[in-house]
PDB file of N, CA and C in Angstrom:
ATOM      1  N   MET A   1     -10.245   7.664   4.010  1.00  0.00           N
ATOM      2  CA  MET A   1      -9.407   8.491   3.154  1.00  0.00           C
ATOM      3  C   MET A   1     -10.087   8.625   1.794  1.00  0.00           C
ATOM      4  N   ARG A   2     -10.205   9.827   1.326  1.00  0.00           N
ATOM      5  CA  ARG A   2     -10.817  10.065   0.017  1.00  0.00           C
ATOM      6  C   ARG A   2      -9.771   9.988  -1.081  1.00  0.00           C
ATOM      7  N   TYR A   3     -10.230   9.548  -2.222  1.00  0.00           N
ATOM      8  CA  TYR A   3      -9.385   9.465  -3.411  1.00  0.00           C
ATOM      9  C   TYR A   3      -9.917  10.458  -4.432  1.00  0.00           C
ATOM     10  N   TYR A   4      -9.039  11.292  -4.967  1.00  0.00           N
ATOM     11  CA  TYR A   4      -9.430  12.318  -5.931  1.00  0.00           C
ATOM     12  C   TYR A   4      -8.766  12.024  -7.275  1.00  0.00           C
ATOM     13  N   PRO A   5      -9.425  11.229  -8.134  1.00  0.00           N
ATOM     14  CA  PRO A   5      -8.807  10.863  -9.412  1.00  0.00           C
ATOM     15  C   PRO A   5      -8.543  12.056 -10.321  1.00  0.00           C
ATOM     16  N   ARG A   6      -9.230  13.160 -10.097  1.00  0.00           N
ATOM     17  CA  ARG A   6      -9.015  14.318 -10.968  1.00  0.00           C
ATOM     18  C   ARG A   6      -7.653  14.960 -10.762  1.00  0.00           C
ATOM     19  N   LEU A   7      -7.010  14.696  -9.643  1.00  0.00           N
ATOM     20  CA  LEU A   7      -5.655  15.220  -9.452  1.00  0.00           C
ATOM     21  C   LEU A   7      -4.744  14.695 -10.558  1.00  0.00           C
ATOM     22  N   ARG A   8      -4.811  13.404 -10.769  1.00  0.00           N
ATOM     23  CA  ARG A   8      -3.991  12.797 -11.820  1.00  0.00           C
ATOM     24  C   ARG A   8      -4.492  13.184 -13.214  1.00  0.00           C
ATOM     25  N   ASP A   9      -5.818  13.150 -13.386  1.00  0.00           N
ATOM     26  CA  ASP A   9      -6.396  13.482 -14.689  1.00  0.00           C
ATOM     27  C   ASP A   9      -5.971  14.873 -15.147  1.00  0.00           C
ATOM     28  N   LEU A  10      -6.079  15.855 -14.260  1.00  0.00           N
ATOM     29  CA  LEU A  10      -5.718  17.224 -14.626  1.00  0.00           C
ATOM     30  C   LEU A  10      -4.229  17.357 -14.916  1.00  0.00           C
ATOM     31  N   ARG A  11      -3.422  16.694 -14.101  1.00  0.00           N
ATOM     32  CA  ARG A  11      -1.968  16.751 -14.328  1.00  0.00           C
ATOM     33  C   ARG A  11      -1.633  16.189 -15.700  1.00  0.00           C
ATOM     34  N   GLU A  12      -2.227  15.044 -16.024  1.00  0.00           N
ATOM     35  CA  GLU A  12      -1.956  14.423 -17.321  1.00  0.00           C
ATOM     36  C   GLU A  12      -2.550  15.246 -18.469  1.00  0.00           C
ATOM     37  N   ASP A  13      -3.729  15.833 -18.245  1.00  0.00           N
ATOM     38  CA  ASP A  13      -4.341  16.680 -19.274  1.00  0.00           C
ATOM     39  C   ASP A  13      -3.465  17.889 -19.599  1.00  0.00           C
ATOM     40  N   HIS A  14      -2.686  18.324 -18.622  1.00  0.00           N
ATOM     41  CA  HIS A  14      -1.780  19.465 -18.823  1.00  0.00           C
ATOM     42  C   HIS A  14      -0.367  19.016 -19.214  1.00  0.00           C
ATOM     43  N   ASP A  15      -0.248  17.724 -19.549  1.00  0.00           N
ATOM     44  CA  ASP A  15       1.037  17.146 -19.983  1.00  0.00           C
ATOM     45  C   ASP A  15       2.175  17.439 -19.006  1.00  0.00           C
ATOM     46  N   LEU A  16       1.869  17.237 -17.718  1.00  0.00           N
ATOM     47  CA  LEU A  16       2.870  17.452 -16.675  1.00  0.00           C
ATOM     48  C   LEU A  16       3.216  16.139 -16.003  1.00  0.00           C
ATOM     49  N   THR A  17       4.487  15.956 -15.701  1.00  0.00           N
ATOM     50  CA  THR A  17       4.889  14.841 -14.851  1.00  0.00           C
ATOM     51  C   THR A  17       4.676  15.289 -13.406  1.00  0.00           C
ATOM     52  N   GLN A  18       4.704  14.341 -12.504  1.00  0.00           N
ATOM     53  CA  GLN A  18       4.600  14.715 -11.095  1.00  0.00           C
ATOM     54  C   GLN A  18       5.759  15.637 -10.708  1.00  0.00           C
ATOM     55  N   THR A  19       6.944  15.344 -11.198  1.00  0.00           N
ATOM     56  CA  THR A  19       8.119  16.166 -10.885  1.00  0.00           C
ATOM     57  C   THR A  19       7.921  17.598 -11.360  1.00  0.00           C
ATOM     58  N   GLN A  20       7.436  17.766 -12.583  1.00  0.00           N
ATOM     59  CA  GLN A  20       7.210  19.116 -13.108  1.00  0.00           C
ATOM     60  C   GLN A  20       6.168  19.868 -12.279  1.00  0.00           C
ATOM     61  N   LEU A  21       5.096  19.161 -11.922  1.00  0.00           N
ATOM     62  CA  LEU A  21       4.034  19.809 -11.159  1.00  0.00           C
ATOM     63  C   LEU A  21       4.505  20.234  -9.774  1.00  0.00           C
ATOM     64  N   VAL A  22       5.176  19.332  -9.067  1.00  0.00           N
ATOM     65  CA  VAL A  22       5.588  19.669  -7.702  1.00  0.00           C
ATOM     66  C   VAL A  22       6.611  20.794  -7.686  1.00  0.00           C
ATOM     67  N   GLU A  23       7.427  20.896  -8.725  1.00  0.00           N
ATOM     68  CA  GLU A  23       8.367  22.011  -8.816  1.00  0.00           C
ATOM     69  C   GLU A  23       7.609  23.328  -8.942  1.00  0.00           C
ATOM     70  N   GLN A  24       6.520  23.331  -9.711  1.00  0.00           N
ATOM     71  CA  GLN A  24       5.732  24.548  -9.884  1.00  0.00           C
ATOM     72  C   GLN A  24       4.922  24.894  -8.640  1.00  0.00           C
ATOM     73  N   LEU A  25       4.502  23.864  -7.911  1.00  0.00           N
ATOM     74  CA  LEU A  25       3.689  24.093  -6.715  1.00  0.00           C
ATOM     75  C   LEU A  25       4.516  24.267  -5.450  1.00  0.00           C
ATOM     76  N   GLY A  26       5.770  23.850  -5.493  1.00  0.00           N
ATOM     77  CA  GLY A  26       6.646  24.001  -4.331  1.00  0.00           C
ATOM     78  C   GLY A  26       6.365  23.020  -3.210  1.00  0.00           C
ATOM     79  N   ILE A  27       6.036  21.771  -3.554  1.00  0.00           N
ATOM     80  CA  ILE A  27       5.849  20.741  -2.526  1.00  0.00           C
ATOM     81  C   ILE A  27       6.727  19.534  -2.855  1.00  0.00           C
ATOM     82  N   HIS A  28       6.848  18.615  -1.898  1.00  0.00           N
ATOM     83  CA  HIS A  28       7.654  17.412  -2.107  1.00  0.00           C
ATOM     84  C   HIS A  28       6.904  16.423  -2.994  1.00  0.00           C
ATOM     85  N   LYS A  29       7.646  15.731  -3.821  1.00  0.00           N
ATOM     86  CA  LYS A  29       7.032  14.781  -4.748  1.00  0.00           C
ATOM     87  C   LYS A  29       6.317  13.655  -4.010  1.00  0.00           C
ATOM     88  N   THR A  30       6.911  13.151  -2.955  1.00  0.00           N
ATOM     89  CA  THR A  30       6.290  12.057  -2.196  1.00  0.00           C
ATOM     90  C   THR A  30       4.942  12.499  -1.633  1.00  0.00           C
ATOM     91  N   THR A  31       4.884  13.722  -1.143  1.00  0.00           N
ATOM     92  CA  THR A  31       3.633  14.250  -0.590  1.00  0.00           C
ATOM     93  C   THR A  31       2.565  14.288  -1.672  1.00  0.00           C
ATOM     94  N   TYR A  32       2.914  14.832  -2.836  1.00  0.00           N
ATOM     95  CA  TYR A  32       1.935  14.919  -3.920  1.00  0.00           C
ATOM     96  C   TYR A  32       1.513  13.524  -4.390  1.00  0.00           C
ATOM     97  N   THR A  33       2.481  12.622  -4.536  1.00  0.00           N
ATOM     98  CA  THR A  33       2.169  11.257  -4.969  1.00  0.00           C
ATOM     99  C   THR A  33       1.156  10.616  -4.029  1.00  0.00           C
ATOM    100  N   ASN A  34       1.330  10.839  -2.732  1.00  0.00           N
ATOM    101  CA  ASN A  34       0.389  10.298  -1.751  1.00  0.00           C
ATOM    102  C   ASN A  34      -1.007  10.901  -1.918  1.00  0.00           C
ATOM    103  N   TYR A  35      -1.082  12.191  -2.245  1.00  0.00           N
ATOM    104  CA  TYR A  35      -2.385  12.814  -2.504  1.00  0.00           C
ATOM    105  C   TYR A  35      -3.026  12.186  -3.742  1.00  0.00           C
ATOM    106  N   GLU A  36      -2.237  12.074  -4.802  1.00  0.00           N
ATOM    107  CA  GLU A  36      -2.759  11.581  -6.076  1.00  0.00           C
ATOM    108  C   GLU A  36      -3.217  10.125  -5.973  1.00  0.00           C
ATOM    109  N   GLN A  37      -2.534   9.346  -5.169  1.00  0.00           N
ATOM    110  CA  GLN A  37      -2.874   7.927  -5.031  1.00  0.00           C
ATOM    111  C   GLN A  37      -3.900   7.673  -3.928  1.00  0.00           C
ATOM    112  N   GLY A  38      -4.332   8.710  -3.241  1.00  0.00           N
ATOM    113  CA  GLY A  38      -5.330   8.558  -2.183  1.00  0.00           C
ATOM    114  C   GLY A  38      -4.775   7.987  -0.895  1.00  0.00           C
ATOM    115  N   LYS A  39      -3.463   8.026  -0.738  1.00  0.00           N
ATOM    116  CA  LYS A  39      -2.848   7.505   0.488  1.00  0.00           C
ATOM    117  C   LYS A  39      -2.814   8.554   1.596  1.00  0.00           C
ATOM    118  N   ARG A  40      -2.998   9.802   1.217  1.00  0.00           N
ATOM    119  CA  ARG A  40      -2.975  10.899   2.176  1.00  0.00           C
ATOM    120  C   ARG A  40      -4.005  11.935   1.729  1.00  0.00           C
ATOM    121  N   GLU A  41      -4.737  12.480   2.684  1.00  0.00           N
ATOM    122  CA  GLU A  41      -5.767  13.482   2.382  1.00  0.00           C
ATOM    123  C   GLU A  41      -5.101  14.832   2.118  1.00  0.00           C
ATOM    124  N   PRO A  42      -5.347  15.409   0.940  1.00  0.00           N
ATOM    125  CA  PRO A  42      -4.748  16.719   0.676  1.00  0.00           C
ATOM    126  C   PRO A  42      -5.408  17.794   1.527  1.00  0.00           C
ATOM    127  N   PRO A  43      -4.621  18.701   2.108  1.00  0.00           N
ATOM    128  CA  PRO A  43      -5.229  19.769   2.901  1.00  0.00           C
ATOM    129  C   PRO A  43      -6.032  20.725   2.016  1.00  0.00           C
ATOM    130  N   PHE A  44      -6.987  21.376   2.628  1.00  0.00           N
ATOM    131  CA  PHE A  44      -7.869  22.281   1.905  1.00  0.00           C
ATOM    132  C   PHE A  44      -7.075  23.372   1.183  1.00  0.00           C
ATOM    133  N   GLU A  45      -6.064  23.916   1.849  1.00  0.00           N
ATOM    134  CA  GLU A  45      -5.247  24.970   1.244  1.00  0.00           C
ATOM    135  C   GLU A  45      -4.576  24.477  -0.035  1.00  0.00           C
ATOM    136  N   PHE A  46      -4.151  23.227  -0.042  1.00  0.00           N
ATOM    137  CA  PHE A  46      -3.524  22.659  -1.237  1.00  0.00           C
ATOM    138  C   PHE A  46      -4.548  22.500  -2.358  1.00  0.00           C
ATOM    139  N   MET A  47      -5.757  22.082  -2.008  1.00  0.00           N
ATOM    140  CA  MET A  47      -6.790  21.927  -3.024  1.00  0.00           C
ATOM    141  C   MET A  47      -7.132  23.290  -3.646  1.00  0.00           C
ATOM    142  N   ILE A  48      -7.134  24.333  -2.839  1.00  0.00           N
ATOM    143  CA  ILE A  48      -7.348  25.680  -3.373  1.00  0.00           C
ATOM    144  C   ILE A  48      -6.217  26.044  -4.324  1.00  0.00           C
ATOM    145  N   GLN A  49      -4.988  25.751  -3.921  1.00  0.00           N
ATOM    146  CA  GLN A  49      -3.826  26.033  -4.768  1.00  0.00           C
ATOM    147  C   GLN A  49      -3.945  25.305  -6.114  1.00  0.00           C
ATOM    148  N   LEU A  50      -4.349  24.036  -6.080  1.00  0.00           N
ATOM    149  CA  LEU A  50      -4.521  23.272  -7.326  1.00  0.00           C
ATOM    150  C   LEU A  50      -5.651  23.829  -8.187  1.00  0.00           C
ATOM    151  N   ALA A  51      -6.761  24.188  -7.545  1.00  0.00           N
ATOM    152  CA  ALA A  51      -7.891  24.747  -8.294  1.00  0.00           C
ATOM    153  C   ALA A  51      -7.477  26.031  -9.009  1.00  0.00           C
ATOM    154  N   GLU A  52      -6.708  26.858  -8.326  1.00  0.00           N
ATOM    155  CA  GLU A  52      -6.224  28.090  -8.948  1.00  0.00           C
ATOM    156  C   GLU A  52      -5.215  27.786 -10.046  1.00  0.00           C
ATOM    157  N   PHE A  53      -4.348  26.824  -9.818  1.00  0.00           N
ATOM    158  CA  PHE A  53      -3.333  26.452 -10.809  1.00  0.00           C
ATOM    159  C   PHE A  53      -3.979  25.970 -12.106  1.00  0.00           C
ATOM    160  N   TYR A  54      -4.978  25.085 -11.968  1.00  0.00           N
ATOM    161  CA  TYR A  54      -5.640  24.514 -13.142  1.00  0.00           C
ATOM    162  C   TYR A  54      -6.823  25.347 -13.631  1.00  0.00           C
ATOM    163  N   GLN A  55      -7.195  26.375 -12.864  1.00  0.00           N
ATOM    164  CA  GLN A  55      -8.345  27.219 -13.190  1.00  0.00           C
ATOM    165  C   GLN A  55      -9.646  26.420 -13.255  1.00  0.00           C
ATOM    166  N   VAL A  56      -9.864  25.610 -12.228  1.00  0.00           N
ATOM    167  CA  VAL A  56     -11.098  24.836 -12.083  1.00  0.00           C
ATOM    168  C   VAL A  56     -11.649  25.092 -10.687  1.00  0.00           C
ATOM    169  N   SER A  57     -12.866  24.647 -10.449  1.00  0.00           N
ATOM    170  CA  SER A  57     -13.470  24.832  -9.132  1.00  0.00           C
ATOM    171  C   SER A  57     -13.063  23.703  -8.189  1.00  0.00           C
ATOM    172  N   LEU A  58     -13.236  23.969  -6.911  1.00  0.00           N
ATOM    173  CA  LEU A  58     -13.017  22.915  -5.919  1.00  0.00           C
ATOM    174  C   LEU A  58     -14.037  21.800  -6.107  1.00  0.00           C
ATOM    175  N   ASP A  59     -15.240  22.153  -6.522  1.00  0.00           N
ATOM    176  CA  ASP A  59     -16.260  21.138  -6.797  1.00  0.00           C
ATOM    177  C   ASP A  59     -15.790  20.180  -7.883  1.00  0.00           C
ATOM    178  N   TYR A  60     -15.137  20.712  -8.900  1.00  0.00           N
ATOM    179  CA  TYR A  60     -14.634  19.856  -9.977  1.00  0.00           C
ATOM    180  C   TYR A  60     -13.526  18.944  -9.448  1.00  0.00           C
ATOM    181  N   LEU A  61     -12.596  19.495  -8.685  1.00  0.00           N
ATOM    182  CA  LEU A  61     -11.510  18.672  -8.124  1.00  0.00           C
ATOM    183  C   LEU A  61     -12.062  17.539  -7.262  1.00  0.00           C
ATOM    184  N   ALA A  62     -13.104  17.849  -6.495  1.00  0.00           N
ATOM    185  CA  ALA A  62     -13.686  16.851  -5.595  1.00  0.00           C
ATOM    186  C   ALA A  62     -14.559  15.839  -6.328  1.00  0.00           C
ATOM    187  N   GLY A  63     -14.863  16.100  -7.603  1.00  0.00           N
ATOM    188  CA  GLY A  63     -15.716  15.189  -8.351  1.00  0.00           C
ATOM    189  C   GLY A  63     -17.195  15.449  -8.167  1.00  0.00           C
ATOM    190  N   TRP A  64     -17.553  16.609  -7.619  1.00  0.00           N
ATOM    191  CA  TRP A  64     -18.954  16.930  -7.367  1.00  0.00           C
ATOM    192  C   TRP A  64     -19.646  17.504  -8.598  1.00  0.00           C
ATOM    193  N   THR A  65     -18.866  17.924  -9.590  1.00  0.00           N
ATOM    194  CA  THR A  65     -19.430  18.437 -10.827  1.00  0.00           C
ATOM    195  C   THR A  65     -18.524  18.026 -11.981  1.00  0.00           C
ATOM    196  N   ASN A  66     -19.090  17.958 -13.151  1.00  0.00           N
ATOM    197  CA  ASN A  66     -18.295  17.673 -14.344  1.00  0.00           C
ATOM    198  C   ASN A  66     -18.019  18.936 -15.145  1.00  0.00           C
ATOM    199  N   ASP A  67     -18.501  20.070 -14.653  1.00  0.00           N
ATOM    200  CA  ASP A  67     -18.282  21.352 -15.323  1.00  0.00           C
ATOM    201  C   ASP A  67     -16.894  21.859 -14.955  1.00  0.00           C
ATOM    202  N   ILE A  68     -15.942  21.625 -15.851  1.00  0.00           N
ATOM    203  CA  ILE A  68     -14.541  21.964 -15.566  1.00  0.00           C
ATOM    204  C   ILE A  68     -14.320  23.465 -15.471  1.00  0.00           C
ATOM    205  N   HIS A  69     -15.155  24.265 -16.112  1.00  0.00           N
ATOM    206  CA  HIS A  69     -14.945  25.705 -16.140  1.00  0.00           C
ATOM    207  C   HIS A  69     -15.697  26.456 -15.058  1.00  0.00           C
ATOM    208  N   MET A  70     -16.413  25.744 -14.229  1.00  0.00           N
ATOM    209  CA  MET A  70     -17.161  26.395 -13.177  1.00  0.00           C
ATOM    210  C   MET A  70     -16.209  27.087 -12.215  1.00  0.00           C
ATOM    211  N   ARG A  71     -16.447  28.333 -11.944  1.00  0.00           N
ATOM    212  CA  ARG A  71     -15.631  29.108 -11.014  1.00  0.00           C
ATOM    213  C   ARG A  71     -16.536  29.693  -9.933  1.00  0.00           C
ATOM    214  N   ALA A  72     -15.975  29.899  -8.786  1.00  0.00           N
ATOM    215  CA  ALA A  72     -16.733  30.499  -7.693  1.00  0.00           C
ATOM    216  C   ALA A  72     -17.084  31.948  -8.030  1.00  0.00           C
ATOM    217  N   ASN A  73     -18.180  32.416  -7.472  1.00  0.00           N
ATOM    218  CA  ASN A  73     -18.558  33.807  -7.664  1.00  0.00           C
ATOM    219  C   ASN A  73     -17.545  34.724  -7.001  1.00  0.00           C
ATOM    220  N   ALA A  74     -17.509  35.949  -7.458  1.00  0.00           N
ATOM    221  CA  ALA A  74     -16.621  36.939  -6.860  1.00  0.00           C
ATOM    222  C   ALA A  74     -17.026  37.157  -5.406  1.00  0.00           C
ATOM    223  N   PRO A  75     -16.062  37.509  -4.554  1.00  0.00           N
ATOM    224  CA  PRO A  75     -16.397  37.761  -3.151  1.00  0.00           C
ATOM    225  C   PRO A  75     -17.437  38.875  -3.025  1.00  0.00           C
ATOM    226  N   ILE A  76     -18.248  38.783  -1.992  1.00  0.00           N
ATOM    227  CA  ILE A  76     -19.275  39.797  -1.742  1.00  0.00           C
ATOM    228  C   ILE A  76     -18.575  41.017  -1.170  1.00  0.00           C
ATOM    229  N   LYS A  77     -18.712  42.159  -1.862  1.00  0.00           N
ATOM    230  CA  LYS A  77     -18.013  43.379  -1.436  1.00  0.00           C
ATOM    231  C   LYS A  77     -18.704  44.055  -0.264  1.00  0.00           C
ATOM    232  N   ASN A  78     -20.019  44.123  -0.284  1.00  0.00           N
ATOM    233  CA  ASN A  78     -20.787  44.761   0.783  1.00  0.00           C
ATOM    234  C   ASN A  78     -21.870  43.798   1.245  1.00  0.00           C
ATOM    235  N   PRO A  79     -21.491  42.820   2.079  1.00  0.00           N
ATOM    236  CA  PRO A  79     -22.486  41.811   2.470  1.00  0.00           C
ATOM    237  C   PRO A  79     -23.616  42.419   3.299  1.00  0.00           C
ATOM    238  N   SER A  80     -24.803  41.900   3.056  1.00  0.00           N
ATOM    239  CA  SER A  80     -25.967  42.315   3.848  1.00  0.00           C
ATOM    240  C   SER A  80     -25.859  41.678   5.234  1.00  0.00           C
ATOM    241  N   ASN A  81     -26.741  42.099   6.131  1.00  0.00           N
ATOM    242  CA  ASN A  81     -26.765  41.521   7.472  1.00  0.00           C
ATOM    243  C   ASN A  81     -27.032  40.023   7.405  1.00  0.00           C
ATOM    244  N   LEU A  82     -27.935  39.616   6.522  1.00  0.00           N
ATOM    245  CA  LEU A  82     -28.251  38.197   6.363  1.00  0.00           C
ATOM    246  C   LEU A  82     -27.023  37.416   5.881  1.00  0.00           C
ATOM    247  N   GLU A  83     -26.291  37.967   4.917  1.00  0.00           N
ATOM    248  CA  GLU A  83     -25.078  37.313   4.411  1.00  0.00           C
ATOM    249  C   GLU A  83     -24.004  37.223   5.498  1.00  0.00           C
ATOM    250  N   ARG A  84     -23.859  38.274   6.305  1.00  0.00           N
ATOM    251  CA  ARG A  84     -22.885  38.236   7.412  1.00  0.00           C
ATOM    252  C   ARG A  84     -23.263  37.166   8.424  1.00  0.00           C
ATOM    253  N   GLN A  85     -24.567  37.033   8.694  1.00  0.00           N
ATOM    254  CA  GLN A  85     -25.032  35.999   9.622  1.00  0.00           C
ATOM    255  C   GLN A  85     -24.727  34.605   9.073  1.00  0.00           C
ATOM    256  N   ALA A  86     -24.965  34.411   7.769  1.00  0.00           N
ATOM    257  CA  ALA A  86     -24.693  33.110   7.152  1.00  0.00           C
ATOM    258  C   ALA A  86     -23.199  32.792   7.225  1.00  0.00           C
ATOM    259  N   ILE A  87     -22.363  33.767   6.968  1.00  0.00           N
ATOM    260  CA  ILE A  87     -20.907  33.571   7.048  1.00  0.00           C
ATOM    261  C   ILE A  87     -20.501  33.237   8.478  1.00  0.00           C
ATOM    262  N   HIS A  88     -21.091  33.929   9.447  1.00  0.00           N
ATOM    263  CA  HIS A  88     -20.782  33.661  10.863  1.00  0.00           C
ATOM    264  C   HIS A  88     -21.165  32.227  11.238  1.00  0.00           C
ATOM    265  N   ILE A  89     -22.332  31.800  10.805  1.00  0.00           N
ATOM    266  CA  ILE A  89     -22.769  30.424  11.088  1.00  0.00           C
ATOM    267  C   ILE A  89     -21.811  29.436  10.438  1.00  0.00           C
ATOM    268  N   LEU A  90     -21.483  29.658   9.186  1.00  0.00           N
ATOM    269  CA  LEU A  90     -20.567  28.761   8.471  1.00  0.00           C
ATOM    270  C   LEU A  90     -19.234  28.644   9.204  1.00  0.00           C
ATOM    271  N   HIS A  91     -18.680  29.758   9.629  1.00  0.00           N
ATOM    272  CA  HIS A  91     -17.380  29.743  10.299  1.00  0.00           C
ATOM    273  C   HIS A  91     -17.435  29.085  11.675  1.00  0.00           C
ATOM    274  N   SER A  92     -18.623  29.022  12.274  1.00  0.00           N
ATOM    275  CA  SER A  92     -18.747  28.422  13.603  1.00  0.00           C
ATOM    276  C   SER A  92     -18.812  26.891  13.554  1.00  0.00           C
ATOM    277  N   LEU A  93     -18.983  26.337  12.348  1.00  0.00           N
ATOM    278  CA  LEU A  93     -19.131  24.889  12.201  1.00  0.00           C
ATOM    279  C   LEU A  93     -17.790  24.183  12.009  1.00  0.00           C
ATOM    280  N   ALA A  94     -17.745  22.912  12.364  1.00  0.00           N
ATOM    281  CA  ALA A  94     -16.579  22.071  12.088  1.00  0.00           C
ATOM    282  C   ALA A  94     -16.479  21.880  10.569  1.00  0.00           C
ATOM    283  N   PRO A  95     -15.280  21.626  10.039  1.00  0.00           N
ATOM    284  CA  PRO A  95     -15.118  21.493   8.588  1.00  0.00           C
ATOM    285  C   PRO A  95     -16.082  20.507   7.925  1.00  0.00           C
ATOM    286  N   ALA A  96     -16.297  19.356   8.530  1.00  0.00           N
ATOM    287  CA  ALA A  96     -17.213  18.369   7.935  1.00  0.00           C
ATOM    288  C   ALA A  96     -18.638  18.913   7.907  1.00  0.00           C
ATOM    289  N   ASP A  97     -19.023  19.629   8.961  1.00  0.00           N
ATOM    290  CA  ASP A  97     -20.359  20.220   9.014  1.00  0.00           C
ATOM    291  C   ASP A  97     -20.494  21.377   8.024  1.00  0.00           C
ATOM    292  N   GLN A  98     -19.392  22.088   7.761  1.00  0.00           N
ATOM    293  CA  GLN A  98     -19.428  23.153   6.760  1.00  0.00           C
ATOM    294  C   GLN A  98     -19.769  22.580   5.392  1.00  0.00           C
ATOM    295  N   LEU A  99     -19.165  21.453   5.045  1.00  0.00           N
ATOM    296  CA  LEU A  99     -19.460  20.815   3.760  1.00  0.00           C
ATOM    297  C   LEU A  99     -20.912  20.360   3.690  1.00  0.00           C
ATOM    298  N   LEU A 100     -21.407  19.802   4.786  1.00  0.00           N
ATOM    299  CA  LEU A 100     -22.806  19.371   4.842  1.00  0.00           C
ATOM    300  C   LEU A 100     -23.732  20.571   4.678  1.00  0.00           C
ATOM    301  N   TRP A 101     -23.442  21.669   5.361  1.00  0.00           N
ATOM    302  CA  TRP A 101     -24.230  22.895   5.282  1.00  0.00           C
ATOM    303  C   TRP A 101     -24.241  23.424   3.848  1.00  0.00           C
ATOM    304  N   LEU A 102     -23.076  23.397   3.204  1.00  0.00           N
ATOM    305  CA  LEU A 102     -22.969  23.855   1.831  1.00  0.00           C
ATOM    306  C   LEU A 102     -23.799  22.976   0.893  1.00  0.00           C
ATOM    307  N   GLU A 103     -23.712  21.669   1.060  1.00  0.00           N
ATOM    308  CA  GLU A 103     -24.484  20.758   0.210  1.00  0.00           C
ATOM    309  C   GLU A 103     -25.987  20.951   0.406  1.00  0.00           C
ATOM    310  N   GLN A 104     -26.403  21.184   1.643  1.00  0.00           N
ATOM    311  CA  GLN A 104     -27.822  21.429   1.900  1.00  0.00           C
ATOM    312  C   GLN A 104     -28.266  22.714   1.210  1.00  0.00           C
ATOM    313  N   GLY A 105     -27.426  23.732   1.248  1.00  0.00           N
ATOM    314  CA  GLY A 105     -27.738  24.986   0.567  1.00  0.00           C
ATOM    315  C   GLY A 105     -27.846  24.796  -0.934  1.00  0.00           C
ATOM    316  N   LYS A 106     -26.952  23.992  -1.501  1.00  0.00           N
ATOM    317  CA  LYS A 106     -26.998  23.718  -2.939  1.00  0.00           C
ATOM    318  C   LYS A 106     -28.288  22.984  -3.318  1.00  0.00           C
ATOM    319  N   LEU A 107     -28.677  22.020  -2.483  1.00  0.00           N
ATOM    320  CA  LEU A 107     -29.920  21.282  -2.751  1.00  0.00           C
ATOM    321  C   LEU A 107     -31.138  22.206  -2.680  1.00  0.00           C
ATOM    322  N   LEU A 108     -31.152  23.089  -1.687  1.00  0.00           N
ATOM    323  CA  LEU A 108     -32.256  24.032  -1.556  1.00  0.00           C
ATOM    324  C   LEU A 108     -32.315  24.970  -2.761  1.00  0.00           C
ATOM    325  N   SER A 109     -31.172  25.457  -3.191  1.00  0.00           N
ATOM    326  CA  SER A 109     -31.104  26.332  -4.358  1.00  0.00           C
ATOM    327  C   SER A 109     -31.586  25.609  -5.612  1.00  0.00           C
ATOM    328  N   LYS A 110     -31.157  24.373  -5.778  1.00  0.00           N
ATOM    329  CA  LYS A 110     -31.571  23.577  -6.939  1.00  0.00           C
ATOM    330  C   LYS A 110     -33.081  23.337  -6.910  1.00  0.00           C
ATOM    331  N   PHE A 111     -33.615  23.041  -5.720  1.00  0.00           N
ATOM    332  CA  PHE A 111     -35.048  22.818  -5.561  1.00  0.00           C
ATOM    333  C   PHE A 111     -35.831  24.056  -5.993  1.00  0.00           C
ATOM    334  N   HIS A 112     -35.414  25.234  -5.517  1.00  0.00           N
ATOM    335  CA  HIS A 112     -36.115  26.474  -5.863  1.00  0.00           C
ATOM    336  C   HIS A 112     -35.974  26.801  -7.337  1.00  0.00           C
ATOM    337  N   LYS A 113     -34.820  26.517  -7.902  1.00  0.00           N
ATOM    338  CA  LYS A 113     -34.602  26.779  -9.322  1.00  0.00           C
ATOM    339  C   LYS A 113     -35.525  25.898 -10.171  1.00  0.00           C
ATOM    340  N   GLN A 114     -35.649  24.635  -9.804  1.00  0.00           N
ATOM    341  CA  GLN A 114     -36.516  23.719 -10.543  1.00  0.00           C
ATOM    342  C   GLN A 114     -37.983  24.140 -10.413  1.00  0.00           C
ATOM    343  N   ASN A 115     -38.396  24.561  -9.239  1.00  0.00           N
ATOM    344  CA  ASN A 115     -39.789  24.983  -9.019  1.00  0.00           C
ATOM    345  C   ASN A 115     -40.098  26.265  -9.781  1.00  0.00           C
ATOM    346  N   ASN A 116     -39.126  27.149  -9.921  1.00  0.00           N
ATOM    347  CA  ASN A 116     -39.352  28.397 -10.643  1.00  0.00           C
ATOM    348  C   ASN A 116     -39.411  28.194 -12.145  1.00  0.00           C
ATOM    349  N   GLU A 117     -38.848  27.089 -12.630  1.00  0.00           N
ATOM    350  CA  GLU A 117     -38.853  26.794 -14.064  1.00  0.00           C
ATOM    351  C   GLU A 117     -40.157  26.152 -14.493  1.00  0.00           C
ATOM    352  N   GLN A 118     -40.942  25.657 -13.544  1.00  0.00           N
ATOM    353  CA  GLN A 118     -42.184  24.955 -13.878  1.00  0.00           C
ATOM    354  C   GLN A 118     -43.337  25.903 -13.993  1.00  0.00           C
TER     355      GLN A 118
END
């Protein structure tokens, strides 16, 4: 079970009690408390809802970045054939493998960015 300390940090940073937050999000307090304390894994849809509520990225919620203002790029309006293939591959993977695939892509991008700066 993963623990996401930023759930509590963000709630407190916004001066919200758990009761106030769950009323705004429309979930049960016990459910949210379990997410915040790491007793229950929050579903992906809920993490998206929280990211939108707090205006932060999923990477920030997960603790993968400290950039609180990082936001995902806008959706691709006219994807190329290569982009459609990448999306198809991503959707064919199990959720855990999707995260691994994404992390590998980030590492490759970082590697190329560092090499281009030299």
